[in-house]
N, C-alpha and C. Protein backbone atom coordinates (compact mmCIF):
# COMPACT_ATOMS: atom_id res chain seq x y z
N MET A 1 40.41 -23.64 -22.43
CA MET A 1 39.81 -22.69 -22.98
C MET A 1 38.24 -23.43 -23.48
N LYS A 2 38.17 -24.32 -23.97
CA LYS A 2 36.98 -25.14 -24.39
C LYS A 2 35.95 -24.79 -23.09
N LYS A 3 36.33 -25.27 -21.97
CA LYS A 3 35.27 -25.28 -21.00
C LYS A 3 35.01 -23.96 -20.74
N LEU A 4 35.74 -22.76 -20.68
CA LEU A 4 35.38 -21.53 -20.75
C LEU A 4 34.10 -21.03 -21.80
N SER A 5 34.41 -21.21 -22.83
CA SER A 5 33.74 -20.93 -24.04
C SER A 5 32.16 -21.79 -23.80
N ALA A 6 32.55 -23.06 -23.26
CA ALA A 6 31.16 -23.76 -23.03
C ALA A 6 30.32 -23.13 -22.04
N ILE A 7 31.05 -22.83 -21.05
CA ILE A 7 30.14 -22.09 -19.45
C ILE A 7 29.69 -20.57 -20.42
N ALA A 8 30.52 -19.97 -21.00
CA ALA A 8 29.83 -18.87 -21.53
C ALA A 8 28.75 -18.92 -22.44
N CYS A 9 28.82 -19.79 -23.32
CA CYS A 9 27.60 -20.34 -24.17
C CYS A 9 26.33 -20.76 -23.24
N GLY A 10 26.55 -21.36 -22.25
CA GLY A 10 25.56 -21.77 -21.37
C GLY A 10 24.91 -20.80 -20.75
N VAL A 11 25.76 -19.83 -20.35
CA VAL A 11 25.17 -18.48 -19.57
C VAL A 11 24.28 -17.56 -20.51
N LEU A 12 24.99 -17.42 -21.91
CA LEU A 12 24.08 -16.96 -22.71
C LEU A 12 22.67 -17.15 -22.95
N LEU A 13 22.80 -18.57 -23.15
CA LEU A 13 21.72 -19.33 -23.53
C LEU A 13 20.66 -19.48 -22.64
N ALA A 14 20.90 -19.70 -21.21
CA ALA A 14 20.31 -19.01 -20.28
C ALA A 14 19.63 -18.02 -19.95
N GLY A 15 20.35 -16.87 -20.38
CA GLY A 15 20.02 -15.63 -20.38
C GLY A 15 18.81 -15.29 -21.27
N ILE A 16 19.19 -15.74 -22.60
CA ILE A 16 18.22 -15.89 -23.32
C ILE A 16 17.02 -16.05 -23.49
N ALA A 17 17.11 -17.43 -23.11
CA ALA A 17 15.29 -18.41 -22.52
C ALA A 17 14.72 -17.50 -21.56
N GLN A 18 15.73 -16.97 -20.58
CA GLN A 18 14.68 -16.17 -19.28
C GLN A 18 14.06 -15.00 -20.00
N SER A 19 14.89 -14.11 -20.62
CA SER A 19 14.23 -12.97 -21.06
C SER A 19 13.03 -13.35 -22.20
N ALA A 20 13.24 -14.58 -22.96
CA ALA A 20 11.87 -14.95 -23.66
C ALA A 20 10.50 -15.31 -22.76
N SER A 21 11.02 -15.94 -21.43
CA SER A 21 9.78 -16.52 -20.74
C SER A 21 9.41 -15.19 -20.26
N ALA A 22 9.97 -14.24 -19.88
CA ALA A 22 9.60 -12.80 -19.17
C ALA A 22 8.68 -12.20 -20.19
N GLN A 23 8.89 -12.07 -21.22
CA GLN A 23 8.10 -11.25 -22.34
C GLN A 23 6.63 -12.39 -22.75
N ASP A 24 7.04 -13.43 -22.27
CA ASP A 24 5.49 -14.27 -22.26
C ASP A 24 4.34 -13.95 -21.29
N LYS A 25 5.09 -13.34 -19.86
CA LYS A 25 4.30 -13.24 -18.76
C LYS A 25 3.35 -11.87 -19.31
N PRO A 26 2.00 -11.79 -18.87
CA PRO A 26 1.26 -10.81 -18.83
C PRO A 26 1.88 -9.46 -17.79
N ALA A 27 1.38 -8.42 -18.26
CA ALA A 27 2.35 -7.27 -17.37
C ALA A 27 1.49 -7.06 -16.14
N ALA A 28 1.84 -7.20 -15.02
CA ALA A 28 1.09 -6.85 -13.86
C ALA A 28 0.67 -5.47 -13.83
N ALA A 29 -0.73 -5.39 -13.04
CA ALA A 29 -1.17 -4.19 -12.97
C ALA A 29 -0.26 -3.35 -11.94
N THR A 30 -0.30 -2.14 -12.45
CA THR A 30 0.57 -1.07 -11.52
C THR A 30 -0.08 -0.82 -10.45
N PRO A 31 0.58 -0.83 -8.92
CA PRO A 31 -0.51 -0.58 -7.73
C PRO A 31 -0.53 1.00 -7.60
N LEU A 32 -1.69 1.18 -7.15
CA LEU A 32 -2.16 2.72 -6.63
C LEU A 32 -1.32 3.03 -5.56
N VAL A 33 -0.30 4.04 -5.68
CA VAL A 33 0.60 4.77 -4.60
C VAL A 33 0.35 6.20 -4.55
N ASN A 34 0.15 6.81 -3.52
CA ASN A 34 -0.04 8.32 -3.18
C ASN A 34 1.66 8.59 -3.42
N GLU A 35 1.93 9.20 -4.19
CA GLU A 35 3.50 9.34 -4.70
C GLU A 35 4.01 10.77 -3.74
N ASP A 36 2.95 11.25 -2.76
CA ASP A 36 3.60 12.19 -1.84
C ASP A 36 4.08 11.51 -0.55
N VAL A 37 3.65 10.60 -0.56
CA VAL A 37 4.22 9.65 0.82
C VAL A 37 4.63 8.39 0.57
N GLY A 38 4.36 7.60 -0.63
CA GLY A 38 4.98 6.52 -1.05
C GLY A 38 4.15 5.11 -0.52
N VAL A 39 2.70 5.43 -0.04
CA VAL A 39 1.78 4.46 0.12
C VAL A 39 0.73 4.49 -0.26
N PRO A 40 -0.05 3.76 -0.51
CA PRO A 40 -1.34 3.66 -0.92
C PRO A 40 -2.69 4.26 -0.24
N VAL A 41 -2.44 5.38 0.64
CA VAL A 41 -3.10 6.11 1.24
C VAL A 41 -3.51 7.37 0.91
N PHE A 42 -4.61 7.77 0.84
CA PHE A 42 -5.41 8.72 0.25
C PHE A 42 -6.51 9.79 1.15
N PRO A 43 -6.12 11.14 1.01
CA PRO A 43 -7.15 11.81 1.99
C PRO A 43 -8.62 11.95 1.23
N TYR A 44 -8.65 11.50 0.10
CA TYR A 44 -10.00 11.62 -0.57
C TYR A 44 -10.39 10.28 -1.03
N ASP A 45 -11.98 9.93 -1.94
CA ASP A 45 -12.22 8.97 -2.19
C ASP A 45 -11.84 8.57 -3.45
N ILE A 46 -11.88 7.28 -3.82
CA ILE A 46 -11.40 7.17 -5.25
C ILE A 46 -12.40 6.73 -5.88
N THR A 47 -12.99 7.42 -7.25
CA THR A 47 -14.25 7.09 -7.82
C THR A 47 -13.95 6.36 -9.33
N ASP A 48 -12.74 6.38 -9.74
CA ASP A 48 -12.82 5.65 -11.00
C ASP A 48 -12.23 4.10 -11.22
N ARG A 49 -12.47 3.41 -9.75
CA ARG A 49 -12.13 2.24 -9.65
C ARG A 49 -13.46 1.57 -8.78
N PRO A 50 -14.01 0.70 -8.83
CA PRO A 50 -14.88 -0.30 -7.91
C PRO A 50 -14.19 -0.94 -6.71
N TYR A 51 -14.53 -0.80 -5.78
CA TYR A 51 -13.90 -1.33 -4.39
C TYR A 51 -15.16 -1.61 -3.42
N THR A 52 -14.94 -2.44 -2.54
CA THR A 52 -15.41 -2.90 -1.64
C THR A 52 -14.52 -2.59 -0.52
N VAL A 53 -15.58 -2.16 0.85
CA VAL A 53 -15.21 -1.28 1.96
C VAL A 53 -14.85 -2.59 2.89
N LEU A 54 -13.68 -2.83 3.53
CA LEU A 54 -13.11 -3.90 4.38
C LEU A 54 -13.20 -3.20 5.73
N GLY A 55 -13.22 -2.17 6.47
CA GLY A 55 -13.44 -1.47 7.30
C GLY A 55 -12.61 -0.52 7.65
N GLU A 56 -12.91 0.27 8.86
CA GLU A 56 -12.11 1.40 9.32
C GLU A 56 -10.66 1.15 9.89
N VAL A 57 -9.77 1.90 9.72
CA VAL A 57 -8.53 1.54 10.37
C VAL A 57 -8.35 3.19 11.31
N LYS A 58 -7.77 2.59 12.09
CA LYS A 58 -7.08 3.85 13.33
C LYS A 58 -5.94 3.62 13.66
N ALA A 59 -5.34 4.54 13.69
CA ALA A 59 -3.61 4.38 14.24
C ALA A 59 -3.49 5.86 15.12
N GLY A 60 -2.56 5.48 16.01
CA GLY A 60 -2.13 6.61 16.67
C GLY A 60 -0.58 6.50 16.53
N VAL A 61 0.16 7.72 16.34
CA VAL A 61 1.49 8.33 16.43
C VAL A 61 2.17 9.06 17.19
N ARG A 62 3.01 8.38 17.86
CA ARG A 62 3.42 9.32 19.36
C ARG A 62 4.69 9.86 18.83
N LYS A 63 4.86 10.92 19.78
CA LYS A 63 6.31 11.39 19.71
C LYS A 63 7.09 10.87 20.68
N ALA A 64 8.52 10.93 20.22
CA ALA A 64 9.57 10.03 21.42
C ALA A 64 9.69 10.82 22.46
N THR A 65 9.92 12.16 22.60
CA THR A 65 10.18 13.05 23.60
C THR A 65 9.19 14.34 23.26
N VAL A 66 9.23 14.96 24.67
CA VAL A 66 8.35 16.76 24.65
C VAL A 66 9.31 17.52 23.50
N PHE A 67 10.49 16.88 23.19
CA PHE A 67 11.41 18.00 22.38
C PHE A 67 11.31 17.25 20.81
N SER A 68 10.60 16.21 20.34
CA SER A 68 10.81 15.49 19.35
C SER A 68 9.65 16.53 18.09
N LYS A 69 9.71 16.25 16.98
CA LYS A 69 8.80 16.59 16.19
C LYS A 69 7.33 16.26 16.09
N SER A 70 6.45 16.95 15.91
CA SER A 70 5.27 16.20 15.56
C SER A 70 5.28 15.05 14.42
N PRO A 71 4.69 14.14 14.72
CA PRO A 71 4.44 12.78 13.57
C PRO A 71 4.58 13.62 12.14
N SER A 72 5.13 12.98 11.17
CA SER A 72 4.99 13.81 9.83
C SER A 72 3.61 13.07 9.09
N GLN A 73 3.12 13.53 7.95
CA GLN A 73 2.19 13.04 7.33
C GLN A 73 2.38 11.46 6.83
N LYS A 74 4.01 11.40 6.71
CA LYS A 74 4.39 10.27 5.69
C LYS A 74 4.39 9.11 6.58
N LYS A 75 4.89 9.42 7.98
CA LYS A 75 4.89 8.65 9.39
C LYS A 75 3.20 7.99 9.44
N ILE A 76 2.71 9.04 9.57
CA ILE A 76 0.99 8.88 10.10
C ILE A 76 0.41 7.90 9.17
N TYR A 77 0.75 8.32 7.61
CA TYR A 77 -0.14 7.37 6.79
C TYR A 77 0.56 5.86 6.49
N ALA A 78 1.77 5.91 6.83
CA ALA A 78 2.61 4.63 6.78
C ALA A 78 1.93 3.74 7.80
N GLU A 79 1.61 4.29 8.99
CA GLU A 79 1.06 3.55 10.14
C GLU A 79 -0.33 3.07 9.76
N LEU A 80 -0.94 4.04 9.22
CA LEU A 80 -2.52 3.62 8.61
C LEU A 80 -2.46 2.42 7.67
N TRP A 81 -1.30 2.56 6.85
CA TRP A 81 -1.41 1.51 5.69
C TRP A 81 -0.83 0.02 6.31
N GLU A 82 0.03 0.30 7.32
CA GLU A 82 0.31 -1.12 8.10
C GLU A 82 -0.75 -1.84 8.55
N ARG A 83 -1.57 -1.15 9.34
CA ARG A 83 -2.79 -1.55 9.91
C ARG A 83 -3.81 -2.17 8.75
N ALA A 84 -3.96 -1.50 7.74
CA ALA A 84 -4.95 -1.84 6.56
C ALA A 84 -4.36 -2.96 5.96
N GLN A 85 -3.16 -3.14 5.80
CA GLN A 85 -2.60 -4.32 5.07
C GLN A 85 -2.93 -5.62 5.73
N LYS A 86 -2.58 -5.51 6.66
CA LYS A 86 -3.16 -6.60 7.96
C LYS A 86 -4.81 -7.03 7.66
N LEU A 87 -5.67 -6.17 7.12
CA LEU A 87 -7.06 -6.48 6.70
C LEU A 87 -6.91 -6.94 5.25
N GLY A 88 -5.94 -7.00 4.39
CA GLY A 88 -6.00 -7.30 3.42
C GLY A 88 -6.29 -6.35 2.29
N ALA A 89 -6.22 -5.09 2.50
CA ALA A 89 -6.15 -3.94 1.74
C ALA A 89 -5.60 -3.47 0.65
N ASP A 90 -6.20 -3.27 -0.50
CA ASP A 90 -5.07 -2.51 -1.54
C ASP A 90 -5.15 -1.09 -1.28
N ALA A 91 -5.93 -0.21 -0.49
CA ALA A 91 -5.84 0.83 -0.54
C ALA A 91 -6.49 1.38 0.71
N VAL A 92 -6.33 2.61 1.36
CA VAL A 92 -6.96 3.59 2.54
C VAL A 92 -7.35 4.63 1.65
N ILE A 93 -8.73 5.01 1.85
CA ILE A 93 -9.08 6.11 1.31
C ILE A 93 -9.83 7.09 2.68
N LYS A 94 -9.89 8.21 2.10
CA LYS A 94 -10.68 9.22 3.68
C LYS A 94 -9.89 9.24 4.66
N ALA A 95 -8.32 9.38 4.57
CA ALA A 95 -7.57 9.16 5.50
C ALA A 95 -7.53 10.77 6.12
N SER A 96 -7.38 10.96 7.56
CA SER A 96 -7.77 12.09 8.22
C SER A 96 -6.82 11.98 9.40
N TYR A 97 -6.05 13.14 9.85
CA TYR A 97 -5.56 13.00 11.10
C TYR A 97 -5.28 14.11 11.71
N GLY A 98 -5.61 14.49 13.05
CA GLY A 98 -5.16 15.85 13.64
C GLY A 98 -3.96 16.09 14.26
N ASP A 99 -3.76 17.09 14.86
CA ASP A 99 -2.32 17.74 15.29
C ASP A 99 -2.24 16.83 16.73
N ALA A 100 -0.80 16.54 17.02
CA ALA A 100 -0.46 16.13 18.19
C ALA A 100 -0.60 16.72 19.50
N HIS A 101 -1.14 15.85 20.40
CA HIS A 101 -1.80 16.37 21.60
C HIS A 101 -1.11 15.61 22.62
N VAL A 102 -0.70 16.21 23.87
CA VAL A 102 -0.19 15.36 25.04
C VAL A 102 -1.04 14.84 25.95
N SER A 103 -1.02 13.76 26.30
CA SER A 103 -1.86 12.96 27.00
C SER A 103 -1.04 12.74 28.43
N ALA A 104 -1.61 11.74 29.11
CA ALA A 104 -1.19 11.19 30.46
C ALA A 104 -0.09 10.36 30.26
N PHE A 105 -0.05 9.60 28.77
CA PHE A 105 0.70 8.74 28.33
C PHE A 105 1.81 8.90 27.35
N SER A 106 1.71 10.16 26.68
CA SER A 106 2.53 10.40 25.93
C SER A 106 2.80 11.82 25.57
N TRP A 107 3.56 12.39 25.16
CA TRP A 107 4.38 13.75 24.96
C TRP A 107 3.63 14.23 23.86
N GLY A 108 3.19 13.51 23.20
CA GLY A 108 2.10 13.99 21.74
C GLY A 108 2.09 12.59 21.25
N LYS A 109 0.80 12.79 20.71
CA LYS A 109 0.28 11.67 19.76
C LYS A 109 -0.89 12.27 18.87
N ALA A 110 -0.55 11.89 17.65
CA ALA A 110 -1.51 12.11 16.48
C ALA A 110 -2.48 11.16 16.29
N ASN A 111 -3.52 11.30 16.11
CA ASN A 111 -4.73 10.08 15.92
C ASN A 111 -5.30 10.21 14.36
N ALA A 112 -4.91 8.94 13.76
CA ALA A 112 -5.56 8.88 12.48
C ALA A 112 -6.63 8.07 11.90
N THR A 113 -7.67 8.08 11.01
CA THR A 113 -8.23 7.25 10.70
C THR A 113 -8.51 7.13 9.33
N GLY A 114 -9.04 6.11 8.83
CA GLY A 114 -9.31 6.13 7.44
C GLY A 114 -10.17 4.68 6.91
N VAL A 115 -10.42 4.37 5.68
CA VAL A 115 -11.36 3.49 5.59
C VAL A 115 -10.22 2.54 4.42
N ALA A 116 -10.15 1.36 4.97
CA ALA A 116 -9.65 0.12 4.01
C ALA A 116 -10.27 -0.28 2.92
N ILE A 117 -9.87 -0.43 1.96
CA ILE A 117 -10.69 -0.81 0.77
C ILE A 117 -10.10 -1.93 -0.01
N LYS A 118 -10.62 -3.05 -0.94
CA LYS A 118 -10.24 -3.83 -1.60
C LYS A 118 -10.71 -3.61 -3.17
N PHE A 119 -9.90 -3.42 -4.14
CA PHE A 119 -10.70 -3.23 -5.24
C PHE A 119 -10.96 -4.42 -5.88
N LEU A 120 -12.19 -4.03 -6.64
CA LEU A 120 -12.73 -5.16 -7.49
C LEU A 120 -12.36 -5.41 -9.03
N PRO A 121 -12.75 -6.50 -9.53
CA PRO A 121 -12.73 -6.56 -10.86
C PRO A 121 -13.24 -5.29 -11.99
N ARG A 122 -12.72 -4.51 -12.98
CA ARG A 122 -13.25 -3.81 -13.38
C ARG A 122 -14.57 -4.21 -13.95
N ASP A 123 -14.97 -5.36 -14.12
CA ASP A 123 -16.40 -5.87 -14.67
C ASP A 123 -17.44 -5.38 -13.75
N GLY A 124 -16.80 -5.16 -12.11
CA GLY A 124 -17.76 -4.91 -11.20
C GLY A 124 -18.50 -6.41 -10.19
N THR A 125 -17.82 -7.50 -10.41
CA THR A 125 -17.97 -8.36 -9.65
C THR A 125 -17.39 -8.70 -8.51
N THR A 126 -17.92 -9.19 -7.59
CA THR A 126 -17.13 -9.30 -6.27
C THR A 126 -16.79 -10.68 -6.24
N SER A 127 -15.43 -10.83 -5.30
CA SER A 127 -14.92 -11.73 -5.16
C SER A 127 -15.29 -12.59 -3.58
N ALA A 128 -15.49 -13.54 -3.42
CA ALA A 128 -15.88 -14.10 -2.29
C ALA A 128 -17.22 -13.80 -1.66
N GLY A 129 -18.20 -13.50 -2.57
CA GLY A 129 -19.38 -12.92 -2.11
C GLY A 129 -19.84 -11.47 -1.61
N ALA A 130 -18.54 -10.85 -1.54
CA ALA A 130 -18.69 -9.58 -0.62
C ALA A 130 -19.65 -8.47 -1.55
N ALA A 131 -20.11 -7.55 -1.03
CA ALA A 131 -21.08 -6.61 -1.77
C ALA A 131 -20.26 -5.32 -1.82
N PRO A 132 -20.28 -4.56 -3.03
CA PRO A 132 -19.87 -3.53 -3.43
C PRO A 132 -20.25 -2.56 -2.71
N ALA A 133 -19.35 -1.74 -2.24
CA ALA A 133 -19.59 -0.34 -1.44
C ALA A 133 -20.35 0.54 -2.30
N SER A 134 -21.27 1.10 -1.42
CA SER A 134 -22.28 2.54 -2.03
C SER A 134 -21.65 3.49 -1.81
N ARG A 135 -21.45 4.29 -2.52
CA ARG A 135 -20.72 5.71 -2.45
C ARG A 135 -21.81 6.55 -2.62
């Protein structure tokens, strides 16, 4: 019985210490996410935060068969975001895509483009000597 109560006390003290150290940490910045699609890809420009442009991202999403539905906005934006992450982007702005079209190699493909961006600190300073984007 003494062993069980000693173990319970140890677990309780460890939990209290962990919660106290979690309160000491500063709150992380909330990530920017397009709630409609669940990824940080937006069809418009972001004007409330400074950023630098990393480059243009392009993606093509194909239909599996002639009978499949055209790719959804969610799927297209997820593909753009996947490619932007490889550039180290925080978000994609000015995202656009067209209707799926049949080609020689696909039953239907929707092409999408966007601009990958990295947010700057609020004071406007750049990291690693990058110049802020002009809007």
